[in-house]
């Protein structure tokens, strides 16, 4: 059974998650590096890309491919020890 993980704990480990994703697939890392961890209820992580819009280009990834989401979920499992689902909002 997964241990409980809070949003703050996930935020503290987020750079490690992204580092692992980058080692496996830089394109996938690029899809997630500017996402804000908006919410986490212990199972579903909500990523928010609205802040990235302020940089003048479209950095919204509401339809990120399934393989990229799976890679992110696997990295969170490896780094944090919990299985998650991912929601994205532009």
C-alpha atoms as a PDB file:
ATOM      1  CA  UNK A   1       0.000   0.000   0.000  1.00  0.00           C
ATOM      2  CA  UNK A   2       1.195   3.508  -0.828  1.00  0.00           C
ATOM      3  CA  UNK A   3       2.241   5.781   1.985  1.00  0.00           C
ATOM      4  CA  UNK A   4       0.486   9.117   2.327  1.00  0.00           C
ATOM      5  CA  UNK A   5       2.194  11.994   0.546  1.00  0.00           C
ATOM      6  CA  UNK A   6       1.221  15.643   0.842  1.00  0.00           C
ATOM      7  CA  UNK A   7       1.400  18.346  -1.815  1.00  0.00           C
ATOM      8  CA  UNK A   8       4.206  20.058   0.124  1.00  0.00           C
ATOM      9  CA  UNK A   9       6.219  16.825   0.271  1.00  0.00           C
ATOM     10  CA  UNK A  10       5.716  16.268  -3.446  1.00  0.00           C
ATOM     11  CA  UNK A  11       6.824  19.855  -4.154  1.00  0.00           C
ATOM     12  CA  UNK A  12       9.982  19.261  -2.091  1.00  0.00           C
ATOM     13  CA  UNK A  13      10.832  16.238  -4.263  1.00  0.00           C
ATOM     14  CA  UNK A  14       9.606  17.677  -7.585  1.00  0.00           C
ATOM     15  CA  UNK A  15      13.090  18.613  -8.848  1.00  0.00           C
ATOM     16  CA  UNK A  16      14.234  15.032  -8.253  1.00  0.00           C
ATOM     17  CA  UNK A  17      11.196  13.786 -10.190  1.00  0.00           C
ATOM     18  CA  UNK A  18      11.968  16.151 -13.079  1.00  0.00           C
ATOM     19  CA  UNK A  19      15.651  15.178 -13.043  1.00  0.00           C
ATOM     20  CA  UNK A  20      14.668  11.520 -13.434  1.00  0.00           C
ATOM     21  CA  UNK A  21      12.242  12.368 -16.245  1.00  0.00           C
ATOM     22  CA  UNK A  22      14.947  14.398 -18.017  1.00  0.00           C
ATOM     23  CA  UNK A  23      17.415  11.500 -17.864  1.00  0.00           C
ATOM     24  CA  UNK A  24      14.819   9.296 -19.554  1.00  0.00           C
ATOM     25  CA  UNK A  25      13.326  11.719 -22.105  1.00  0.00           C
ATOM     26  CA  UNK A  26      14.200  15.387 -22.510  1.00  0.00           C
ATOM     27  CA  UNK A  27      11.097  16.139 -24.598  1.00  0.00           C
ATOM     28  CA  UNK A  28       8.901  14.818 -21.792  1.00  0.00           C
ATOM     29  CA  UNK A  29      10.873  16.893 -19.288  1.00  0.00           C
ATOM     30  CA  UNK A  30      10.200  19.973 -21.432  1.00  0.00           C
ATOM     31  CA  UNK A  31       6.469  19.227 -21.301  1.00  0.00           C
ATOM     32  CA  UNK A  32       6.451  19.301 -17.488  1.00  0.00           C
ATOM     33  CA  UNK A  33       9.265  21.601 -16.326  1.00  0.00           C
ATOM     34  CA  UNK A  34       7.132  24.744 -16.240  1.00  0.00           C
ATOM     35  CA  UNK A  35       4.030  23.142 -14.776  1.00  0.00           C
ATOM     36  CA  UNK A  36       2.901  24.355 -11.365  1.00  0.00           C
ATOM     37  CA  UNK A  37       1.849  21.678  -8.904  1.00  0.00           C
ATOM     38  CA  UNK A  38      -1.625  23.078  -8.278  1.00  0.00           C
ATOM     39  CA  UNK A  39      -3.203  20.348  -6.186  1.00  0.00           C
ATOM     40  CA  UNK A  40      -2.596  16.834  -4.899  1.00  0.00           C
ATOM     41  CA  UNK A  41      -5.201  14.883  -2.980  1.00  0.00           C
ATOM     42  CA  UNK A  42      -2.955  11.925  -2.205  1.00  0.00           C
ATOM     43  CA  UNK A  43      -3.786  10.243  -5.501  1.00  0.00           C
ATOM     44  CA  UNK A  44      -4.440  12.808  -8.257  1.00  0.00           C
ATOM     45  CA  UNK A  45      -1.820  15.442  -9.073  1.00  0.00           C
ATOM     46  CA  UNK A  46      -3.164  18.510 -10.871  1.00  0.00           C
ATOM     47  CA  UNK A  47      -0.651  20.373 -13.010  1.00  0.00           C
ATOM     48  CA  UNK A  48      -1.366  23.994 -13.936  1.00  0.00           C
ATOM     49  CA  UNK A  49       0.273  25.686 -16.925  1.00  0.00           C
ATOM     50  CA  UNK A  50      -1.409  29.101 -16.636  1.00  0.00           C
ATOM     51  CA  UNK A  51       1.737  30.790 -15.257  1.00  0.00           C
ATOM     52  CA  UNK A  52       3.755  29.743 -18.315  1.00  0.00           C
ATOM     53  CA  UNK A  53       1.540  31.923 -20.516  1.00  0.00           C
ATOM     54  CA  UNK A  54       3.117  35.057 -19.079  1.00  0.00           C
ATOM     55  CA  UNK A  55       6.359  34.342 -20.923  1.00  0.00           C
ATOM     56  CA  UNK A  56       4.830  35.251 -24.278  1.00  0.00           C
ATOM     57  CA  UNK A  57       4.741  31.843 -25.899  1.00  0.00           C
ATOM     58  CA  UNK A  58       2.344  28.986 -25.796  1.00  0.00           C
ATOM     59  CA  UNK A  59       3.612  26.574 -23.146  1.00  0.00           C
ATOM     60  CA  UNK A  60       0.318  24.863 -22.582  1.00  0.00           C
ATOM     61  CA  UNK A  61       0.276  21.087 -22.744  1.00  0.00           C
ATOM     62  CA  UNK A  62      -3.324  20.057 -22.061  1.00  0.00           C
ATOM     63  CA  UNK A  63      -3.071  17.078 -24.398  1.00  0.00           C
ATOM     64  CA  UNK A  64       0.282  15.655 -23.425  1.00  0.00           C
ATOM     65  CA  UNK A  65       0.718  12.202 -24.837  1.00  0.00           C
ATOM     66  CA  UNK A  66      -0.067   9.171 -22.726  1.00  0.00           C
ATOM     67  CA  UNK A  67       3.563   7.984 -22.838  1.00  0.00           C
ATOM     68  CA  UNK A  68       4.750  11.264 -21.328  1.00  0.00           C
ATOM     69  CA  UNK A  69       2.167  11.094 -18.533  1.00  0.00           C
ATOM     70  CA  UNK A  70       3.177   7.492 -17.864  1.00  0.00           C
ATOM     71  CA  UNK A  71       6.841   8.488 -17.661  1.00  0.00           C
ATOM     72  CA  UNK A  72       6.020  11.242 -15.159  1.00  0.00           C
ATOM     73  CA  UNK A  73       3.905   8.868 -13.051  1.00  0.00           C
ATOM     74  CA  UNK A  74       6.730   6.303 -13.050  1.00  0.00           C
ATOM     75  CA  UNK A  75       9.232   8.965 -11.933  1.00  0.00           C
ATOM     76  CA  UNK A  76       6.966  10.043  -9.052  1.00  0.00           C
ATOM     77  CA  UNK A  77       6.630   6.399  -8.014  1.00  0.00           C
ATOM     78  CA  UNK A  78      10.398   5.890  -8.100  1.00  0.00           C
ATOM     79  CA  UNK A  79      11.286   9.133  -6.282  1.00  0.00           C
ATOM     80  CA  UNK A  80       8.343   9.458  -3.873  1.00  0.00           C
ATOM     81  CA  UNK A  81       7.158   5.871  -3.536  1.00  0.00           C
ATOM     82  CA  UNK A  82       3.510   6.592  -4.453  1.00  0.00           C
ATOM     83  CA  UNK A  83       1.332   5.860  -7.454  1.00  0.00           C
ATOM     84  CA  UNK A  84      -0.528   8.906  -8.761  1.00  0.00           C
ATOM     85  CA  UNK A  85      -2.882  10.008 -11.503  1.00  0.00           C
ATOM     86  CA  UNK A  86      -2.248  13.265 -13.366  1.00  0.00           C
ATOM     87  CA  UNK A  87      -4.678  15.991 -14.404  1.00  0.00           C
ATOM     88  CA  UNK A  88      -3.575  18.951 -16.501  1.00  0.00           C
ATOM     89  CA  UNK A  89      -5.160  22.334 -16.967  1.00  0.00           C
ATOM     90  CA  UNK A  90      -4.061  25.091 -19.312  1.00  0.00           C
END
